[in-house]
Amino acid sequence: MLAVGVRRTTLTDVARRAGISRMTLYRRYPDVTALFSDLMIREFGEVLSIAIQAGMRRRTARNKLVAEAVAGVRALHGNPLFAKVLDLEPELLLPYVVDRVGANQRMAIDRFSELLRAGHADGSIRRGEPADQALALLLVIQSFVLGGRAMQSELDPSRLLGELERVLDSYLCPTARRAA
């Protein structure tokens, strides 16, 4: 897939490069789309692991969530498979933006929800419905993931990620109580 893209990859090619029989591969994957889906889930799991590492030493849930989100965007931008898909076949990602929520997005939503609940408990994140807040976070972060590469000619990637950090921190920050 890295060599020729997803659409030009065949299961026969994959079996040959892996040194296994086609039938062995076909028993597990009915087509390249299923293989690609599993591969993206594996890759995103690695990105999520990198992101979690970036937030480990942060004290508050808000700081963890912001650090993890920024690290996750950075890791996705550096992921060779994701970069290949964005370069050659970005339409493969479109259904996950306009039609449905995929497994990778569910993993992100679950992690955001976990940190949002922790942030509500430690007071570092403004109160709200975690499910609603998690979806809003996904939409914002997704725009930086998908549009960030195109904007690199306009703004240095590290500065763009700094802006993402500010956007997320501002969104999550508890608001001061207004006097009655």
Protein backbone atom coordinates (compact mmCIF):
# COMPACT_ATOMS: atom_id res chain seq x y z
CA MET A 1 0.00 0.00 0.00
CA LEU A 2 2.89 2.34 0.69
CA ALA A 3 4.43 1.50 -2.67
CA VAL A 4 1.40 1.90 -4.95
CA GLY A 5 -1.51 3.11 -2.84
CA VAL A 6 -4.56 1.29 -1.56
CA ARG A 7 -6.59 1.07 -4.78
CA ARG A 8 -3.70 -0.40 -6.79
CA THR A 9 -2.83 -2.97 -4.12
CA THR A 10 -4.14 -6.51 -4.58
CA LEU A 11 -4.32 -9.29 -2.03
CA THR A 12 -2.12 -11.32 -4.38
CA ASP A 13 0.56 -8.60 -4.12
CA VAL A 14 0.26 -8.57 -0.33
CA ALA A 15 0.50 -12.36 -0.08
CA ARG A 16 3.56 -12.42 -2.34
CA ARG A 17 5.36 -9.71 -0.34
CA ALA A 18 4.41 -11.36 2.96
CA GLY A 19 5.59 -14.76 1.77
CA ILE A 20 2.26 -16.46 2.46
CA SER A 21 -0.29 -18.13 0.23
CA ARG A 22 -3.15 -16.13 -1.24
CA MET A 23 -5.64 -18.51 0.38
CA THR A 24 -4.17 -17.83 3.82
CA LEU A 25 -4.70 -14.13 3.27
CA TYR A 26 -8.17 -14.58 1.75
CA ARG A 27 -9.27 -16.59 4.81
CA ARG A 28 -8.63 -13.52 6.94
CA TYR A 29 -9.48 -10.70 4.53
CA PRO A 30 -12.18 -10.89 1.86
CA ASP A 31 -10.73 -7.90 0.01
CA VAL A 32 -8.16 -5.11 0.14
CA THR A 33 -10.68 -2.76 1.78
CA ALA A 34 -10.94 -5.04 4.82
CA LEU A 35 -7.15 -5.33 4.99
CA PHE A 36 -6.79 -1.56 4.71
CA SER A 37 -9.36 -1.06 7.48
CA ASP A 38 -7.49 -3.39 9.84
CA LEU A 39 -4.20 -1.76 8.93
CA MET A 40 -5.54 1.73 9.67
CA ILE A 41 -6.89 0.54 13.03
CA ARG A 42 -3.46 -0.89 13.89
CA GLU A 43 -1.71 2.30 12.77
CA PHE A 44 -4.14 4.48 14.71
CA GLY A 45 -3.61 2.31 17.79
CA GLU A 46 0.11 3.12 17.55
CA VAL A 47 -0.68 6.83 17.13
CA LEU A 48 -2.95 6.69 20.18
CA SER A 49 -0.17 5.02 22.17
CA ILE A 50 2.25 7.82 21.17
CA ALA A 51 -0.35 10.41 22.12
CA ILE A 52 -0.99 8.86 25.54
CA GLN A 53 2.76 8.82 26.21
CA ALA A 54 2.87 12.58 25.48
CA GLY A 55 0.28 13.28 28.16
CA MET A 56 1.55 10.92 30.86
CA ARG A 57 3.52 13.45 32.88
CA ARG A 58 0.82 16.12 32.78
CA ARG A 59 -0.88 16.86 36.07
CA THR A 60 -4.42 17.75 35.06
CA ALA A 61 -6.79 15.96 32.76
CA ARG A 62 -7.07 19.09 30.60
CA ASN A 63 -3.30 19.26 30.15
CA LYS A 64 -3.23 15.54 29.34
CA LEU A 65 -6.02 15.85 26.78
CA VAL A 66 -4.44 18.83 25.03
CA ALA A 67 -0.98 17.23 24.99
CA GLU A 68 -2.37 13.95 23.70
CA ALA A 69 -4.42 15.62 20.97
CA VAL A 70 -1.49 17.67 19.69
CA ALA A 71 0.85 14.67 19.81
CA GLY A 72 -1.75 12.57 18.01
CA VAL A 73 -2.11 15.10 15.19
CA ARG A 74 1.69 15.32 14.89
CA ALA A 75 1.97 11.50 14.80
CA LEU A 76 -0.75 11.19 12.15
CA HIS A 77 0.97 13.79 9.99
CA GLY A 78 4.18 11.76 10.29
CA ASN A 79 2.56 8.37 9.64
CA PRO A 80 3.67 7.03 6.23
CA LEU A 81 0.44 5.15 5.48
CA PHE A 82 -1.77 8.07 6.43
CA ALA A 83 0.41 10.41 4.36
CA LYS A 84 0.17 8.06 1.36
CA VAL A 85 -3.61 7.93 1.63
CA LEU A 86 -3.83 11.72 1.88
CA ASP A 87 -1.47 12.12 -1.10
CA LEU A 88 -2.99 9.54 -3.44
CA GLU A 89 -6.48 8.62 -2.24
CA PRO A 90 -7.95 11.14 0.19
CA GLU A 91 -11.42 10.10 -0.96
CA LEU A 92 -10.96 6.91 1.10
CA LEU A 93 -11.24 9.08 4.22
CA LEU A 94 -14.27 11.08 3.09
CA PRO A 95 -16.91 8.62 4.37
CA TYR A 96 -15.44 9.05 7.87
CA VAL A 97 -15.88 12.80 7.63
CA VAL A 98 -19.35 13.03 6.10
CA ASP A 99 -21.16 9.67 6.46
CA ARG A 100 -20.16 7.68 9.51
CA VAL A 101 -17.94 7.37 12.53
CA GLY A 102 -15.27 4.71 12.12
CA ALA A 103 -13.46 2.50 14.61
CA ASN A 104 -10.51 4.89 14.83
CA GLN A 105 -12.78 7.80 15.57
CA ARG A 106 -14.55 5.72 18.25
CA MET A 107 -11.17 5.03 19.88
CA ALA A 108 -10.48 8.78 19.97
CA ILE A 109 -13.96 9.59 21.28
CA ASP A 110 -13.59 6.99 24.05
CA ARG A 111 -10.22 8.45 25.09
CA PHE A 112 -11.55 12.02 24.99
CA SER A 113 -14.58 10.98 27.08
CA GLU A 114 -12.35 9.32 29.66
CA LEU A 115 -10.20 12.45 29.99
CA LEU A 116 -13.22 14.75 29.97
CA ARG A 117 -14.76 12.89 32.91
CA ALA A 118 -11.42 13.04 34.75
CA GLY A 119 -11.20 16.76 33.99
CA HIS A 120 -14.70 17.36 35.31
CA ALA A 121 -13.68 15.54 38.49
CA ASP A 122 -10.39 17.43 38.96
CA GLY A 123 -11.94 20.78 37.95
CA SER A 124 -9.56 21.38 35.05
CA ILE A 125 -12.23 21.01 32.34
CA ARG A 126 -15.46 22.96 32.17
CA ARG A 127 -18.58 21.01 32.93
CA GLY A 128 -20.60 19.62 30.06
CA GLU A 129 -21.91 16.41 28.62
CA PRO A 130 -18.78 14.31 27.94
CA ALA A 131 -20.28 12.71 24.83
CA ASP A 132 -21.08 16.11 23.31
CA GLN A 133 -17.72 17.56 24.24
CA ALA A 134 -15.89 14.50 22.87
CA LEU A 135 -17.65 14.81 19.51
CA ALA A 136 -16.85 18.53 19.34
CA LEU A 137 -13.21 17.75 20.08
CA LEU A 138 -13.16 15.09 17.37
CA LEU A 139 -14.49 17.54 14.79
CA VAL A 140 -11.93 20.20 15.66
CA ILE A 141 -8.99 17.80 15.82
CA GLN A 142 -10.09 16.03 12.65
CA SER A 143 -9.98 19.34 10.79
CA PHE A 144 -6.37 19.84 11.89
CA VAL A 145 -5.51 16.27 10.87
CA LEU A 146 -7.08 16.44 7.43
CA GLY A 147 -6.51 20.10 6.61
CA GLY A 148 -3.24 20.64 8.44
CA ARG A 149 -1.07 19.27 5.66
CA ALA A 150 -2.62 21.61 3.10
CA MET A 151 -2.06 24.57 5.42
CA GLN A 152 1.64 23.85 5.95
CA SER A 153 2.48 26.19 3.09
CA GLU A 154 0.64 28.95 4.96
CA LEU A 155 1.93 28.31 8.46
CA ASP A 156 4.83 26.33 9.90
CA PRO A 157 3.51 22.96 11.19
CA SER A 158 4.82 23.53 14.73
CA ARG A 159 3.09 26.92 14.88
CA LEU A 160 -0.10 25.36 13.54
CA LEU A 161 0.03 22.73 16.28
CA GLY A 162 0.60 25.54 18.78
CA GLU A 163 -2.63 27.09 17.57
CA LEU A 164 -4.40 23.76 17.99
CA GLU A 165 -3.11 23.64 21.55
CA ARG A 166 -4.54 27.11 22.25
CA VAL A 167 -7.88 26.26 20.63
CA LEU A 168 -8.28 23.10 22.69
CA ASP A 169 -7.09 24.62 25.94
CA SER A 170 -9.47 27.55 25.55
CA TYR A 171 -12.40 25.28 24.72
CA LEU A 172 -11.78 23.03 27.71
CA CYS A 173 -10.86 25.66 30.29
CA PRO A 174 -13.44 26.10 33.05
CA THR A 175 -15.12 29.49 32.79
CA ALA A 176 -15.08 31.88 35.69
CA ARG A 177 -18.40 32.14 37.48
CA ARG A 178 -20.26 35.32 36.79
CA ALA A 179 -21.52 37.40 39.65
CA ALA A 180 -25.31 37.25 39.95
